[in-house]
Amino acid sequence: MTNPTRTPVDHAAYYLVHAAVTAPSLHNTQPWRFVHQDGELQLYTDASRRLPVADRDGRELVISCGAALFNVLLAMRHLGFLPHVHAFPDPATPDLLASIRWGPYARPTTAGEAMYATLLHRHTHRGPFRTDPLPATLIDELREHAHHENTDLWPLTRTDELRRLSALIRAAETRQRDHPAYTAELANWTPPPHSLRRDGVPADAYPRDPDSTAFAGRDFAAHARMGYGDKEMPPAARRSLGLATVLSTGCDRRDDWLRAGQGLQRVLLHAAAHHVSAAFHTQPLELPELREQLRPAAMTNHYQQVVLRLGYHAHPHPTPRRPVHDVLAHRALLPTPPARNGAERPSRPAPSSPVQARGQT
């Protein structure tokens, strides 16, 4: 039995969750919550932030939480400890995705530190990129980073592949724009100008024209009648789709979705370290019949989890994040009841924080 409260919160747990909340999520819903108890940090989904129209089976919700989980593990390694992770530890509690404990000391790696340094610099882009191509060596590195999390990143460069993907994205976006429940859901996550909300996609984070590239974007501007305009976009002669890619997994279970989120975040952070941003186009993955059509011959035995473009742009458009105290709760163990013979059972002391937070991420 536990006694839930929000104070006092362990400093190290706060530090880890402060890193976690920088993860990307569909419509910036931030659908995660954390509980710290007895030296263990638990990651749960937040069902109140699920998108029942766009994400009917909760797949993208779990992917978002997987990205947040990757950030927790990255921050723990930055502090000099190996994380011990148990995914889906309790089948009777399906919203509990992972429990994380502190492992032994381990010196941070150069690659890990480079990714950690980009946590606050990674921002989702929603418009065109500059025409500068990504170096082939960087593309190879991004694929290796995806593979490190048992996922695959597939660059799409052939004209026929790009046309087909563009058509599927357009078909999905057209259906969704004509779906009243979907447009209402999207409007709910499009705060009005000058809103104090710490979630959703604000007007300065999406273009006024959602179709400024060959891949249709989500039409946030239709609801807010805002968005940044042509002055902030490169001239048409200098606009580019960027590199179109698909992130996939070998199976399509919830543990694969969680893994996809970790692979995605690893790719995004390594890209950000090289000043590369990502734009997401997951609309066809949200409609089962179109998701099946999206699978190219090369991915016959893979399940597409994320469609994204990668490229360079000059103006980052960050989205807000909820404060840590909104997503982190602390549970203190109640004293152990006396044994039947009247003797007190020795209570297990709560471990002290292995490290004090050294500032904010």
Protein backbone atom coordinates (compact mmCIF):
# COMPACT_ATOMS: atom_id res chain seq x y z
CA MET A 1 0.00 0.00 0.00
CA THR A 2 1.32 3.44 -0.83
CA ASN A 3 0.57 6.97 0.15
CA PRO A 4 0.62 9.18 -2.99
CA THR A 5 1.82 12.73 -2.62
CA ARG A 6 3.66 15.27 -4.75
CA THR A 7 6.17 16.24 -2.06
CA PRO A 8 8.90 15.76 -1.24
CA VAL A 9 10.17 14.73 -4.68
CA ASP A 10 13.57 13.15 -4.90
CA HIS A 11 16.03 15.51 -6.60
CA ALA A 12 17.45 12.84 -8.88
CA ALA A 13 13.97 11.74 -9.97
CA TYR A 14 13.14 15.37 -10.74
CA TYR A 15 16.31 15.63 -12.81
CA LEU A 16 15.44 12.52 -14.84
CA VAL A 17 11.86 13.61 -15.52
CA HIS A 18 13.04 17.10 -16.45
CA ALA A 19 14.93 15.39 -19.28
CA ALA A 20 12.01 13.08 -20.11
CA VAL A 21 9.50 15.85 -20.79
CA THR A 22 11.56 17.26 -23.66
CA ALA A 23 10.52 14.25 -25.77
CA PRO A 24 8.28 14.73 -28.82
CA SER A 25 4.64 13.61 -28.87
CA LEU A 26 1.74 13.71 -31.31
CA HIS A 27 0.17 17.22 -31.15
CA ASN A 28 2.50 17.83 -28.18
CA THR A 29 0.05 15.99 -25.93
CA GLN A 30 2.87 14.88 -23.58
CA PRO A 31 0.97 11.68 -22.66
CA TRP A 32 3.22 10.46 -19.86
CA ARG A 33 3.29 10.45 -16.10
CA PHE A 34 5.94 9.29 -13.66
CA VAL A 35 5.87 7.91 -10.14
CA HIS A 36 8.94 7.77 -7.91
CA GLN A 37 8.83 5.18 -5.15
CA ASP A 38 11.52 3.50 -3.09
CA GLY A 39 14.35 4.44 -5.46
CA GLU A 40 12.42 3.33 -8.54
CA LEU A 41 11.03 5.57 -11.28
CA GLN A 42 7.92 4.24 -13.01
CA LEU A 43 6.68 5.42 -16.41
CA TYR A 44 2.92 5.33 -17.05
CA THR A 45 0.76 6.43 -19.95
CA ASP A 46 -1.66 9.26 -19.24
CA ALA A 47 -4.96 8.07 -20.72
CA SER A 48 -6.48 11.53 -20.37
CA ARG A 49 -4.08 12.70 -23.09
CA ARG A 50 -4.76 9.95 -25.56
CA LEU A 51 -6.09 10.91 -29.01
CA PRO A 52 -8.98 8.49 -29.61
CA VAL A 53 -9.54 9.61 -33.22
CA ALA A 54 -6.03 10.04 -34.61
CA ASP A 55 -4.51 7.31 -32.43
CA ARG A 56 -7.26 4.76 -31.90
CA ASP A 57 -5.08 1.91 -30.64
CA GLY A 58 -2.74 4.11 -28.59
CA ARG A 59 0.27 3.20 -30.73
CA GLU A 60 1.60 6.75 -31.07
CA LEU A 61 0.97 7.37 -27.38
CA VAL A 62 3.30 4.49 -26.48
CA ILE A 63 5.87 5.66 -29.04
CA SER A 64 5.86 9.10 -27.41
CA CYS A 65 6.39 7.51 -24.00
CA GLY A 66 9.22 5.44 -25.46
CA ALA A 67 10.95 8.66 -26.50
CA ALA A 68 10.52 10.01 -22.96
CA LEU A 69 11.93 6.74 -21.58
CA PHE A 70 15.01 7.12 -23.77
CA ASN A 71 15.59 10.57 -22.29
CA VAL A 72 15.35 9.18 -18.75
CA LEU A 73 17.96 6.54 -19.53
CA LEU A 74 20.18 9.11 -21.24
CA ALA A 75 20.01 11.43 -18.22
CA MET A 76 20.77 8.57 -15.85
CA ARG A 77 23.86 7.66 -17.86
CA HIS A 78 24.86 11.32 -17.92
CA LEU A 79 24.84 11.26 -14.12
CA GLY A 80 27.20 8.28 -14.23
CA PHE A 81 24.91 5.30 -13.60
CA LEU A 82 23.78 2.37 -15.70
CA PRO A 83 19.97 2.15 -15.73
CA HIS A 84 18.16 -1.10 -14.98
CA VAL A 85 14.94 -1.14 -17.02
CA HIS A 86 12.02 -3.54 -16.75
CA ALA A 87 9.53 -2.95 -19.56
CA PHE A 88 5.86 -3.78 -18.89
CA PRO A 89 6.63 -5.13 -15.40
CA ASP A 90 3.00 -5.76 -14.39
CA PRO A 91 0.59 -7.31 -16.93
CA ALA A 92 -2.29 -6.37 -14.63
CA THR A 93 -1.36 -2.68 -14.99
CA PRO A 94 -1.19 -2.06 -18.75
CA ASP A 95 -0.61 1.68 -18.37
CA LEU A 96 2.67 0.96 -16.54
CA LEU A 97 5.18 0.87 -19.39
CA ALA A 98 8.50 0.62 -17.56
CA SER A 99 10.21 0.71 -14.21
CA ILE A 100 13.73 2.11 -13.97
CA ARG A 101 16.24 1.62 -11.18
CA TRP A 102 19.74 2.92 -10.62
CA GLY A 103 22.47 0.48 -11.57
CA PRO A 104 26.23 0.57 -10.93
CA TYR A 105 28.48 3.49 -11.71
CA ALA A 106 29.55 3.80 -15.35
CA ARG A 107 31.50 6.55 -17.02
CA PRO A 108 29.34 8.46 -19.55
CA THR A 109 30.17 7.78 -23.19
CA THR A 110 31.12 10.45 -25.70
CA ALA A 111 28.14 9.57 -27.92
CA GLY A 112 25.75 9.67 -24.98
CA GLU A 113 27.03 13.03 -23.81
CA ALA A 114 26.65 14.48 -27.31
CA MET A 115 23.00 13.38 -27.40
CA TYR A 116 22.35 14.61 -23.87
CA ALA A 117 23.68 18.05 -24.80
CA THR A 118 21.02 18.37 -27.52
CA LEU A 119 17.95 17.63 -25.36
CA LEU A 120 16.87 21.26 -25.22
CA HIS A 121 17.88 21.96 -28.82
CA ARG A 122 15.77 19.28 -30.50
CA HIS A 123 12.56 20.79 -31.87
CA THR A 124 9.99 19.41 -34.30
CA HIS A 125 9.77 21.29 -37.60
CA ARG A 126 6.53 21.54 -39.58
CA GLY A 127 7.55 23.29 -42.79
CA PRO A 128 10.06 23.04 -45.64
CA PHE A 129 13.79 22.63 -45.19
CA ARG A 130 16.71 24.27 -46.91
CA THR A 131 18.04 22.49 -49.98
CA ASP A 132 21.33 21.45 -48.34
CA PRO A 133 21.46 17.63 -48.48
CA LEU A 134 22.35 15.51 -45.48
CA PRO A 135 25.86 14.02 -45.74
CA ALA A 136 25.87 10.32 -46.60
CA THR A 137 28.00 9.64 -43.52
CA LEU A 138 25.38 11.24 -41.27
CA ILE A 139 22.59 9.19 -42.86
CA ASP A 140 24.60 6.03 -42.16
CA GLU A 141 25.13 7.13 -38.54
CA LEU A 142 21.41 7.77 -38.07
CA ARG A 143 20.61 4.30 -39.38
CA GLU A 144 23.15 2.82 -36.97
CA HIS A 145 21.60 4.70 -34.06
CA ALA A 146 18.16 3.37 -34.99
CA HIS A 147 19.54 -0.16 -35.23
CA HIS A 148 21.08 0.21 -31.77
CA GLU A 149 17.52 0.26 -30.36
CA ASN A 150 16.40 -2.71 -32.53
CA THR A 151 14.60 -0.46 -35.00
CA ASP A 152 15.33 0.38 -38.63
CA LEU A 153 15.50 3.74 -40.39
CA TRP A 154 14.79 3.57 -44.12
CA PRO A 155 15.76 6.53 -46.34
CA LEU A 156 13.44 6.92 -49.34
CA THR A 157 15.22 8.51 -52.28
CA ARG A 158 13.68 7.02 -55.43
CA THR A 159 11.20 9.25 -57.24
CA ASP A 160 8.53 6.55 -57.40
CA GLU A 161 8.82 5.90 -53.64
CA LEU A 162 8.50 9.59 -52.84
CA ARG A 163 5.51 10.07 -55.14
CA ARG A 164 3.74 7.09 -53.62
CA LEU A 165 4.42 8.23 -50.08
CA SER A 166 3.32 11.77 -50.92
CA ALA A 167 0.05 10.45 -52.38
CA LEU A 168 -0.65 8.34 -49.28
CA ILE A 169 0.05 11.26 -46.95
CA ARG A 170 -2.22 13.49 -49.02
CA ALA A 171 -5.00 10.87 -49.04
CA ALA A 172 -4.79 10.46 -45.26
CA GLU A 173 -4.67 14.19 -44.59
CA THR A 174 -7.66 14.81 -46.87
CA ARG A 175 -9.71 12.18 -45.04
CA GLN A 176 -8.76 13.58 -41.68
CA ARG A 177 -9.54 17.18 -42.64
CA ASP A 178 -13.00 16.03 -43.74
CA HIS A 179 -13.60 14.11 -40.48
CA PRO A 180 -15.43 16.33 -37.94
CA ALA A 181 -14.29 14.31 -34.93
CA TYR A 182 -10.68 14.51 -36.07
CA THR A 183 -10.77 18.25 -36.72
CA ALA A 184 -12.38 18.81 -33.31
CA GLU A 185 -9.64 16.73 -31.69
CA LEU A 186 -6.93 18.67 -33.53
CA ALA A 187 -8.52 21.98 -32.55
CA ASN A 188 -8.45 20.88 -28.90
CA TRP A 189 -4.66 20.67 -29.11
CA THR A 190 -4.23 23.97 -30.98
CA PRO A 191 -4.13 26.66 -28.27
CA PRO A 192 -5.21 30.20 -29.19
CA PRO A 193 -2.55 32.92 -29.47
CA HIS A 194 -1.04 34.06 -26.17
CA SER A 195 -2.42 31.00 -24.39
CA LEU A 196 -0.76 30.04 -21.11
CA ARG A 197 -1.17 26.33 -21.84
CA ARG A 198 1.98 24.24 -21.56
CA ASP A 199 0.87 21.63 -24.09
CA GLY A 200 -0.49 21.50 -27.62
CA VAL A 201 0.96 23.17 -30.72
CA PRO A 202 1.01 26.99 -30.50
CA ALA A 203 0.63 29.24 -33.53
CA ASP A 204 4.31 30.07 -33.79
CA ALA A 205 5.19 26.37 -34.19
CA TYR A 206 3.33 25.59 -37.43
CA PRO A 207 3.18 27.22 -40.88
CA ARG A 208 0.10 29.05 -42.09
CA ASP A 209 0.26 26.89 -45.22
CA PRO A 210 0.33 23.21 -44.17
CA ASP A 211 1.05 22.14 -47.75
CA SER A 212 4.29 24.06 -48.21
CA THR A 213 6.09 20.84 -49.23
CA ALA A 214 5.18 17.83 -51.36
CA PHE A 215 4.14 16.04 -48.14
CA ALA A 216 0.87 17.40 -46.76
CA GLY A 217 1.12 18.70 -43.22
CA ARG A 218 -1.49 18.80 -40.48
CA ASP A 219 -3.72 21.83 -40.86
CA PHE A 220 -3.38 23.41 -37.43
CA ALA A 221 -3.89 26.86 -38.98
CA ALA A 222 -7.44 26.02 -40.08
CA HIS A 223 -8.52 26.04 -36.45
CA ALA A 224 -6.44 28.87 -35.03
CA ARG A 225 -6.30 30.93 -38.25
CA MET A 226 -2.73 31.68 -37.27
CA GLY A 227 0.67 30.16 -37.93
CA TYR A 228 3.91 31.65 -39.11
CA GLY A 229 3.78 33.01 -42.64
CA ASP A 230 5.79 33.28 -45.81
CA LYS A 231 8.25 35.80 -44.38
CA GLU A 232 9.75 33.09 -42.19
CA MET A 233 9.85 30.50 -44.96
CA PRO A 234 12.72 30.23 -47.41
CA PRO A 235 11.88 31.32 -50.96
CA ALA A 236 10.43 28.56 -53.13
CA ALA A 237 13.74 28.18 -54.95
CA ARG A 238 15.42 27.30 -51.65
CA ARG A 239 12.74 25.03 -50.19
CA SER A 240 13.24 21.32 -49.89
CA LEU A 241 11.37 18.28 -48.72
CA GLY A 242 14.53 17.11 -46.97
CA LEU A 243 15.33 13.43 -46.60
CA ALA A 244 12.18 11.29 -46.33
CA THR A 245 12.57 8.32 -44.00
CA VAL A 246 10.48 5.63 -42.33
CA LEU A 247 11.23 4.15 -38.90
CA SER A 248 10.10 0.53 -38.56
CA THR A 249 10.12 -2.41 -36.17
CA GLY A 250 10.13 -6.16 -36.76
CA CYS A 251 6.79 -6.70 -35.00
CA ASP A 252 3.83 -4.53 -34.04
CA ARG A 253 3.21 -5.16 -30.34
CA ARG A 254 3.22 -2.63 -27.52
CA ASP A 255 6.81 -3.46 -26.64
CA ASP A 256 7.73 -2.75 -30.27
CA TRP A 257 5.98 0.63 -30.05
CA LEU A 258 7.94 1.45 -26.88
CA ARG A 259 11.14 0.41 -28.64
CA ALA A 260 10.19 2.52 -31.66
CA GLY A 261 9.98 5.58 -29.42
CA GLN A 262 13.44 4.92 -28.04
CA GLY A 263 14.87 4.40 -31.51
CA LEU A 264 13.15 7.54 -32.77
CA GLN A 265 14.49 9.72 -29.98
CA ARG A 266 17.99 8.37 -30.40
CA VAL A 267 17.85 9.27 -34.11
CA LEU A 268 16.40 12.72 -33.39
CA LEU A 269 19.02 13.62 -30.80
CA HIS A 270 21.94 12.50 -32.95
CA ALA A 271 20.44 14.47 -35.83
CA ALA A 272 20.03 17.53 -33.61
CA ALA A 273 23.69 17.30 -32.63
CA HIS A 274 24.39 17.92 -36.33
CA HIS A 275 21.82 20.76 -36.57
CA VAL A 276 19.30 18.54 -38.38
CA SER A 277 15.59 18.71 -37.49
CA ALA A 278 12.69 16.37 -38.18
CA ALA A 279 9.17 16.90 -39.52
CA PHE A 280 6.60 14.16 -38.93
CA HIS A 281 3.98 12.89 -41.38
CA THR A 282 2.30 9.99 -39.59
CA GLN A 283 -1.19 10.60 -41.03
CA PRO A 284 -1.24 7.43 -43.24
CA LEU A 285 -0.09 5.34 -40.28
CA GLU A 286 -3.24 6.40 -38.41
CA LEU A 287 -5.53 4.78 -41.00
CA PRO A 288 -5.06 0.97 -41.08
CA GLU A 289 -5.78 0.53 -44.79
CA LEU A 290 -3.30 3.25 -45.76
CA ARG A 291 -0.68 2.03 -43.32
CA GLU A 292 -0.69 -1.33 -45.09
CA GLN A 293 -0.32 0.34 -48.49
CA LEU A 294 2.64 2.38 -47.27
CA ARG A 295 4.85 -0.67 -46.86
CA PRO A 296 7.43 -0.75 -49.71
CA ALA A 297 8.78 -4.05 -51.00
CA ALA A 298 12.00 -3.55 -49.05
CA MET A 299 10.00 -3.45 -45.79
CA THR A 300 7.89 -6.56 -46.32
CA ASN A 301 8.78 -7.99 -42.92
CA HIS A 302 8.68 -4.67 -41.08
CA TYR A 303 5.98 -2.51 -39.52
CA GLN A 304 6.12 1.22 -40.18
CA GLN A 305 5.91 3.23 -36.97
CA VAL A 306 6.96 6.78 -37.92
CA VAL A 307 7.25 8.72 -41.19
CA LEU A 308 9.59 11.69 -40.94
CA ARG A 309 11.56 14.15 -43.02
CA LEU A 310 15.04 15.24 -41.96
CA GLY A 311 16.75 18.46 -42.98
CA TYR A 312 18.18 21.85 -42.12
CA HIS A 313 16.25 25.01 -41.32
CA ALA A 314 17.14 28.36 -39.83
CA HIS A 315 14.26 29.10 -37.45
CA PRO A 316 13.51 26.61 -34.65
CA HIS A 317 9.93 26.69 -33.38
CA PRO A 318 9.91 25.13 -29.89
CA THR A 319 6.69 24.01 -28.24
CA PRO A 320 5.97 24.41 -24.51
CA ARG A 321 6.33 21.65 -21.93
CA ARG A 322 4.44 20.98 -18.73
CA PRO A 323 6.46 21.48 -15.54
CA VAL A 324 7.89 18.43 -13.86
CA HIS A 325 5.57 18.70 -10.86
CA ASP A 326 2.61 18.14 -13.20
CA VAL A 327 3.88 14.77 -14.38
CA LEU A 328 5.88 13.42 -11.42
CA ALA A 329 4.41 12.06 -8.20
CA HIS A 330 6.26 10.65 -5.20
CA ARG A 331 4.93 7.71 -3.24
CA ALA A 332 6.28 7.08 0.23
CA LEU A 333 6.04 3.55 1.56
CA LEU A 334 3.83 3.19 4.63
CA PRO A 335 5.40 1.51 7.68
CA THR A 336 5.38 -2.28 7.56
CA PRO A 337 2.64 -3.70 9.83
CA PRO A 338 3.76 -5.62 12.94
CA ALA A 339 4.41 -9.35 12.66
CA ARG A 340 1.89 -11.73 14.23
CA ASN A 341 4.13 -12.43 17.22
CA GLY A 342 4.05 -8.75 18.11
CA ALA A 343 7.59 -8.04 16.97
CA GLU A 344 8.08 -5.24 14.53
CA ARG A 345 9.27 -6.27 11.10
CA PRO A 346 12.32 -4.22 10.17
CA SER A 347 11.25 -1.72 7.57
CA ARG A 348 13.29 -1.50 4.41
CA PRO A 349 15.00 1.89 4.38
CA ALA A 350 14.40 3.96 1.28
CA PRO A 351 17.69 4.37 -0.56
CA SER A 352 19.07 7.84 -0.65
CA SER A 353 19.30 9.67 -3.93
CA PRO A 354 22.39 8.36 -5.72
CA VAL A 355 23.23 11.83 -6.94
CA GLN A 356 22.00 15.35 -6.51
CA ALA A 357 20.80 17.11 -9.62
CA ARG A 358 23.55 19.27 -11.07
CA GLY A 359 21.29 21.92 -12.58
CA GLN A 360 18.57 21.66 -15.14
CA THR A 361 18.72 20.07 -18.56
